């Protein structure tokens, strides 16, 4: 399944190229032919290896992962899409303070970056008869088990990639991914402006579909905040729930005052409901203390506002200025 650089099929030796040239070129000094052969060796070897790699990968047996065909083209496209999403998510995270940015980076490493790593490792594990249809079942322990059975030249860069998931740097993850993909014969391509715009649209559509389908106040607040941020900055975000207050704070200078106040009001109610639910869960006397009626009152208020909050993202009102 994998094609490593260290296990390349050798091309012709210099002497063999000289022998070939002697049959094609008459009355040429041998030292000149040898010099020419040495100059030809590297480009011819590179081209030969590309052909061998392409032929090997295209003939590799693909494994079935549910309804997804696990062949080189599909896996390469899936990895490239996620790779470029990671780059765009990091771009959005850079617009926040260092502390918030770190929370977003760690969340990104635990989620999208982990999924990307699992796709690559699951693809390579086909020859070991260890593939799985459910990528979420690939835990760090399972990854280590698979990595332990791979050839050393492939194992080393993949181990570095695996370790980067526990770090604090997207740059370290990206460099590790690029090295691992190259060692495995997969090509990573950084998206151009057209593909970046396409990714923004696809991500926005996915968020809008989630927003339309949910009535959970906390999730509605999260999705609306992320969508508003993307609409106003043209940057994608992949953030944990604990970063929602920070996202909303950045929107203050970008949203009309009435919209921001509505968002703040809804945020306050969501927080209040979470606090009350937690408090009620800890005390069996919640109903006696009068907390249950208050919780119901907050929920009614949330229900009355949830449609207006969704509208902020589903039908955004254009603002006169947008901070770059």
Protein backbone atom coordinates (compact mmCIF):
# COMPACT_ATOMS: atom_id res chain seq x y z
CA UNK A 1 0.00 0.00 0.00
CA UNK A 2 2.74 2.45 0.91
CA UNK A 3 5.64 3.46 -1.33
CA UNK A 4 8.59 4.87 0.61
CA UNK A 5 11.47 6.87 -0.81
CA UNK A 6 13.97 4.63 0.94
CA UNK A 7 12.63 1.51 -0.78
CA UNK A 8 12.80 2.95 -4.31
CA UNK A 9 13.37 0.63 -7.24
CA UNK A 10 16.87 1.45 -8.60
CA UNK A 11 17.27 2.85 -12.10
CA UNK A 12 20.13 2.07 -14.51
CA UNK A 13 23.72 2.46 -13.31
CA UNK A 14 26.00 5.04 -14.98
CA UNK A 15 27.84 2.23 -16.79
CA UNK A 16 24.56 0.95 -18.25
CA UNK A 17 23.64 4.42 -19.50
CA UNK A 18 27.08 4.77 -21.10
CA UNK A 19 26.62 1.40 -22.81
CA UNK A 20 23.24 2.52 -24.14
CA UNK A 21 24.68 5.82 -25.42
CA UNK A 22 27.55 4.03 -27.15
CA UNK A 23 24.97 2.18 -29.24
CA UNK A 24 23.29 5.45 -30.21
CA UNK A 25 26.24 7.86 -30.62
CA UNK A 26 29.20 7.10 -32.86
CA UNK A 27 32.76 8.44 -32.51
CA UNK A 28 32.27 10.03 -29.09
CA UNK A 29 35.02 9.88 -26.43
CA UNK A 30 34.18 7.53 -23.56
CA UNK A 31 34.86 10.17 -20.90
CA UNK A 32 32.37 12.51 -22.56
CA UNK A 33 29.77 9.75 -22.67
CA UNK A 34 30.38 9.04 -18.98
CA UNK A 35 30.00 12.73 -18.11
CA UNK A 36 26.75 12.86 -20.11
CA UNK A 37 25.49 9.70 -18.39
CA UNK A 38 26.17 11.20 -14.97
CA UNK A 39 24.20 14.33 -15.91
CA UNK A 40 21.30 12.24 -17.18
CA UNK A 41 21.21 9.87 -14.21
CA UNK A 42 19.41 12.11 -11.70
CA UNK A 43 16.54 13.44 -13.92
CA UNK A 44 16.01 10.02 -15.50
CA UNK A 45 15.99 8.35 -12.07
CA UNK A 46 13.47 10.89 -10.74
CA UNK A 47 11.18 10.36 -13.74
CA UNK A 48 11.54 6.58 -13.46
CA UNK A 49 10.64 6.64 -9.75
CA UNK A 50 7.56 8.78 -10.47
CA UNK A 51 6.37 6.23 -13.02
CA UNK A 52 7.05 3.32 -10.65
CA UNK A 53 5.29 5.09 -7.78
CA UNK A 54 2.26 5.96 -9.92
CA UNK A 55 2.00 2.44 -11.33
CA UNK A 56 2.35 0.88 -7.89
CA UNK A 57 -0.26 3.10 -6.27
CA UNK A 58 -2.78 2.72 -9.09
CA UNK A 59 -2.48 -1.06 -8.95
CA UNK A 60 -2.69 -1.26 -5.16
CA UNK A 61 -5.74 -3.11 -4.01
CA UNK A 62 -8.28 -0.80 -2.43
CA UNK A 63 -9.99 -1.78 0.81
CA UNK A 64 -13.66 -1.19 1.56
CA UNK A 65 -14.42 1.29 4.30
CA UNK A 66 -18.20 1.24 4.37
CA UNK A 67 -19.46 3.02 1.27
CA UNK A 68 -16.17 4.86 0.77
CA UNK A 69 -13.69 3.41 -1.72
CA UNK A 70 -10.30 3.48 -0.09
CA UNK A 71 -8.11 4.09 -3.11
CA UNK A 72 -5.32 6.55 -3.58
CA UNK A 73 -7.35 9.16 -5.45
CA UNK A 74 -10.19 9.22 -2.91
CA UNK A 75 -7.91 9.24 0.13
CA UNK A 76 -5.67 11.90 -1.37
CA UNK A 77 -8.67 14.13 -2.13
CA UNK A 78 -10.14 13.63 1.35
CA UNK A 79 -6.82 14.39 3.04
CA UNK A 80 -6.25 17.47 0.87
CA UNK A 81 -9.71 18.85 1.68
CA UNK A 82 -9.15 18.45 5.41
CA UNK A 83 -5.58 19.74 5.13
CA UNK A 84 -6.78 22.95 3.51
CA UNK A 85 -9.63 23.27 6.03
CA UNK A 86 -7.08 23.05 8.84
CA UNK A 87 -5.07 25.85 7.24
CA UNK A 88 -8.17 28.04 6.99
CA UNK A 89 -9.31 27.25 10.54
CA UNK A 90 -5.88 28.30 11.78
CA UNK A 91 -6.17 31.55 9.83
CA UNK A 92 -9.43 32.31 11.67
CA UNK A 93 -7.94 31.39 15.05
CA UNK A 94 -5.13 33.91 14.53
CA UNK A 95 -7.66 36.73 14.84
CA UNK A 96 -8.03 36.04 18.57
CA UNK A 97 -5.86 36.57 21.64
CA UNK A 98 -3.09 34.06 22.38
CA UNK A 99 -5.11 32.29 25.11
CA UNK A 100 -8.21 31.88 22.94
CA UNK A 101 -6.10 30.93 19.94
CA UNK A 102 -4.45 28.16 21.97
CA UNK A 103 -7.86 26.75 22.97
CA UNK A 104 -8.92 26.71 19.32
CA UNK A 105 -5.66 25.10 18.17
CA UNK A 106 -5.90 22.32 20.75
CA UNK A 107 -9.54 21.73 19.75
CA UNK A 108 -8.52 21.60 16.09
CA UNK A 109 -5.76 19.09 16.84
CA UNK A 110 -8.15 16.88 18.83
CA UNK A 111 -10.82 16.89 16.12
CA UNK A 112 -10.10 17.66 12.45
CA UNK A 113 -6.36 16.95 12.67
CA UNK A 114 -7.00 13.66 14.47
CA UNK A 115 -9.57 12.66 11.83
CA UNK A 116 -7.06 13.48 9.09
CA UNK A 117 -4.36 11.40 10.78
CA UNK A 118 -6.75 8.49 11.25
CA UNK A 119 -7.74 8.55 7.57
CA UNK A 120 -4.09 8.30 6.55
CA UNK A 121 -3.24 5.57 9.05
CA UNK A 122 -6.41 3.60 8.28
CA UNK A 123 -5.52 3.73 4.60
CA UNK A 124 -2.03 2.39 5.22
CA UNK A 125 -3.30 -0.33 7.56
CA UNK A 126 -5.14 -2.12 4.73
CA UNK A 127 -2.16 -4.38 4.03
CA UNK A 128 -2.10 -5.28 7.72
CA UNK A 129 -5.79 -6.29 7.64
CA UNK A 130 -6.46 -3.72 10.36
CA UNK A 131 -8.75 -1.24 8.59
CA UNK A 132 -11.93 -0.06 10.27
CA UNK A 133 -15.17 1.39 8.90
CA UNK A 134 -15.53 3.70 11.90
CA UNK A 135 -12.61 6.13 12.07
CA UNK A 136 -13.72 7.34 15.50
CA UNK A 137 -12.81 3.91 16.84
CA UNK A 138 -9.14 4.59 16.05
CA UNK A 139 -7.94 5.65 19.47
CA UNK A 140 -4.35 6.71 20.24
CA UNK A 141 -3.75 3.13 21.43
CA UNK A 142 -5.04 1.70 18.14
CA UNK A 143 -2.87 4.14 16.18
CA UNK A 144 0.20 3.02 18.12
CA UNK A 145 -0.65 -0.63 17.45
CA UNK A 146 -0.91 0.02 13.72
CA UNK A 147 2.23 2.16 13.65
CA UNK A 148 4.17 -0.59 15.41
CA UNK A 149 3.58 -2.91 12.45
CA UNK A 150 4.55 -0.50 9.68
CA UNK A 151 8.02 -0.43 8.03
CA UNK A 152 10.44 1.84 9.88
CA UNK A 153 10.81 4.37 7.04
CA UNK A 154 7.02 4.91 7.06
CA UNK A 155 6.61 4.53 10.81
CA UNK A 156 9.01 7.36 11.76
CA UNK A 157 7.19 10.27 10.04
CA UNK A 158 3.78 8.87 11.04
CA UNK A 159 4.90 8.63 14.66
CA UNK A 160 5.89 12.30 14.52
CA UNK A 161 2.47 13.10 13.07
CA UNK A 162 0.78 11.09 15.85
CA UNK A 163 2.77 12.94 18.52
CA UNK A 164 1.94 16.35 17.03
CA UNK A 165 -1.73 15.80 17.90
CA UNK A 166 -0.82 16.26 21.57
CA UNK A 167 1.06 19.47 20.90
CA UNK A 168 0.07 23.13 20.69
CA UNK A 169 1.10 23.99 17.15
CA UNK A 170 -0.75 23.62 13.85
CA UNK A 171 2.51 24.38 12.05
CA UNK A 172 4.15 21.32 13.65
CA UNK A 173 1.17 19.20 12.62
CA UNK A 174 1.25 20.49 9.05
CA UNK A 175 4.98 19.90 8.59
CA UNK A 176 4.62 16.39 10.08
CA UNK A 177 1.66 15.66 7.79
CA UNK A 178 3.53 16.87 4.72
CA UNK A 179 6.52 14.65 5.54
CA UNK A 180 4.30 11.62 6.26
CA UNK A 181 2.25 12.08 3.10
CA UNK A 182 5.39 12.37 0.96
CA UNK A 183 6.83 9.20 2.50
CA UNK A 184 3.57 7.38 1.77
CA UNK A 185 3.42 8.54 -1.84
CA UNK A 186 0.50 10.95 -1.39
CA UNK A 187 0.59 14.48 -2.76
CA UNK A 188 -0.62 17.40 -0.65
CA UNK A 189 -1.76 20.49 -2.51
CA UNK A 190 -2.28 23.88 -0.92
CA UNK A 191 -5.56 25.31 -2.17
CA UNK A 192 -5.67 28.37 -4.40
CA UNK A 193 -8.04 31.31 -3.92
CA UNK A 194 -10.80 29.60 -5.89
CA UNK A 195 -10.64 26.46 -3.76
CA UNK A 196 -10.49 28.52 -0.58
CA UNK A 197 -13.70 30.31 -1.56
CA UNK A 198 -15.29 26.97 -2.37
CA UNK A 199 -14.27 25.60 1.03
CA UNK A 200 -15.78 28.66 2.74
CA UNK A 201 -19.08 28.09 0.95
CA UNK A 202 -19.16 24.37 1.71
CA UNK A 203 -18.37 24.97 5.38
CA UNK A 204 -20.97 27.73 5.63
CA UNK A 205 -23.64 25.53 4.04
CA UNK A 206 -22.88 22.69 6.46
CA UNK A 207 -23.21 25.07 9.43
CA UNK A 208 -26.46 26.53 8.08
CA UNK A 209 -27.94 23.05 7.72
CA UNK A 210 -26.99 22.25 11.31
CA UNK A 211 -28.48 25.53 12.51
CA UNK A 212 -31.75 24.95 10.66
CA UNK A 213 -32.08 21.46 12.13
CA UNK A 214 -31.40 22.21 15.81
CA UNK A 215 -33.48 23.79 18.57
CA UNK A 216 -30.87 23.41 21.30
CA UNK A 217 -30.18 26.95 22.57
CA UNK A 218 -26.47 26.40 23.31
CA UNK A 219 -25.84 24.90 19.88
CA UNK A 220 -27.90 27.62 18.19
CA UNK A 221 -25.76 30.26 19.93
CA UNK A 222 -22.54 28.44 18.95
CA UNK A 223 -23.47 27.99 15.28
CA UNK A 224 -24.88 31.50 14.91
CA UNK A 225 -21.73 33.05 16.40
CA UNK A 226 -19.42 31.07 14.11
CA UNK A 227 -21.54 31.85 11.03
CA UNK A 228 -21.68 35.57 11.83
CA UNK A 229 -17.91 35.57 12.33
CA UNK A 230 -17.39 33.93 8.94
CA UNK A 231 -19.83 36.29 7.21
CA UNK A 232 -18.07 39.34 8.61
CA UNK A 233 -14.40 38.27 8.40
CA UNK A 234 -14.43 35.71 5.57
CA UNK A 235 -12.53 33.34 7.88
CA UNK A 236 -13.64 29.87 8.94
CA UNK A 237 -13.69 28.90 12.61
CA UNK A 238 -13.58 25.54 14.35
CA UNK A 239 -13.93 26.38 18.01
CA UNK A 240 -15.02 24.63 21.21
CA UNK A 241 -18.09 25.86 23.10
CA UNK A 242 -15.97 27.58 25.73
CA UNK A 243 -14.71 30.00 23.06
CA UNK A 244 -18.21 31.23 22.11
CA UNK A 245 -18.06 34.24 24.52
CA UNK A 246 -14.76 35.29 22.90
CA UNK A 247 -16.27 34.96 19.42
CA UNK A 248 -19.28 37.06 20.43
CA UNK A 249 -16.98 39.73 21.89
CA UNK A 250 -15.19 40.11 18.54
CA UNK A 251 -18.55 40.64 16.83
CA UNK A 252 -19.41 43.77 18.84
CA UNK A 253 -17.54 46.13 16.52
CA UNK A 254 -18.88 44.39 13.41
CA UNK A 255 -22.61 43.90 14.10
CA UNK A 256 -25.39 46.51 14.26
CA UNK A 257 -26.05 47.43 17.90
CA UNK A 258 -29.53 45.82 18.02
CA UNK A 259 -28.20 42.51 16.68
CA UNK A 260 -25.33 42.43 19.12
CA UNK A 261 -27.62 43.19 22.07
CA UNK A 262 -29.95 40.38 20.99
CA UNK A 263 -26.98 38.00 20.77
CA UNK A 264 -25.76 39.08 24.21
CA UNK A 265 -29.23 38.66 25.70
CA UNK A 266 -29.51 35.14 24.31
CA UNK A 267 -25.99 34.31 25.53
CA UNK A 268 -26.91 35.42 29.05
CA UNK A 269 -30.00 33.21 29.02
CA UNK A 270 -28.03 30.20 27.74
CA UNK A 271 -25.47 30.62 30.51
CA UNK A 272 -28.24 31.07 33.10
CA UNK A 273 -29.98 27.90 31.96
CA UNK A 274 -26.74 25.90 32.08
CA UNK A 275 -25.96 27.15 35.59
CA UNK A 276 -29.50 26.39 36.80
CA UNK A 277 -29.47 22.90 35.22
CA UNK A 278 -26.14 22.14 36.89
CA UNK A 279 -27.34 23.46 40.22
CA UNK A 280 -30.58 21.52 40.01
CA UNK A 281 -28.74 18.35 39.12
CA UNK A 282 -26.55 18.66 42.19
CA UNK A 283 -29.46 19.21 44.54
CA UNK A 284 -32.39 16.83 44.85
CA UNK A 285 -34.23 19.69 46.55
CA UNK A 286 -34.20 21.85 43.43
CA UNK A 287 -37.98 21.83 43.03
CA UNK A 288 -38.54 22.72 46.67
CA UNK A 289 -36.12 25.63 46.40
CA UNK A 290 -38.13 27.07 43.55
CA UNK A 291 -35.43 26.46 40.94
CA UNK A 292 -37.54 24.35 38.60
CA UNK A 293 -40.13 27.07 37.85
CA UNK A 294 -37.29 29.55 37.26
CA UNK A 295 -35.61 27.09 34.89
CA UNK A 296 -38.86 26.75 32.97
CA UNK A 297 -39.15 30.53 32.78
CA UNK A 298 -35.65 30.83 31.30
CA UNK A 299 -36.40 28.07 28.81
CA UNK A 300 -39.57 29.87 27.66
CA UNK A 301 -37.57 33.05 27.13
CA UNK A 302 -34.98 31.13 25.11
CA UNK A 303 -37.71 29.53 23.01
CA UNK A 304 -39.21 32.94 22.26
CA UNK A 305 -35.84 34.29 21.03
CA UNK A 306 -34.39 31.28 19.26
CA UNK A 307 -36.06 32.09 15.93
CA UNK A 308 -34.68 35.66 15.97
CA UNK A 309 -31.19 34.38 16.79
CA UNK A 310 -31.28 31.93 13.90
CA UNK A 311 -32.35 34.72 11.57
CA UNK A 312 -29.14 36.61 12.31
CA UNK A 313 -27.21 33.86 10.50
CA UNK A 314 -29.82 32.48 8.12
CA UNK A 315 -30.72 35.91 6.73
CA UNK A 316 -27.82 38.19 7.67
CA UNK A 317 -28.37 41.93 7.40
CA UNK A 318 -25.55 43.64 5.55
CA UNK A 319 -23.49 46.07 7.60
CA UNK A 320 -21.82 49.20 6.28
CA UNK A 321 -18.34 48.33 7.50
CA UNK A 322 -16.45 45.10 7.93
CA UNK A 323 -13.21 44.85 9.87
CA UNK A 324 -10.51 43.12 7.93
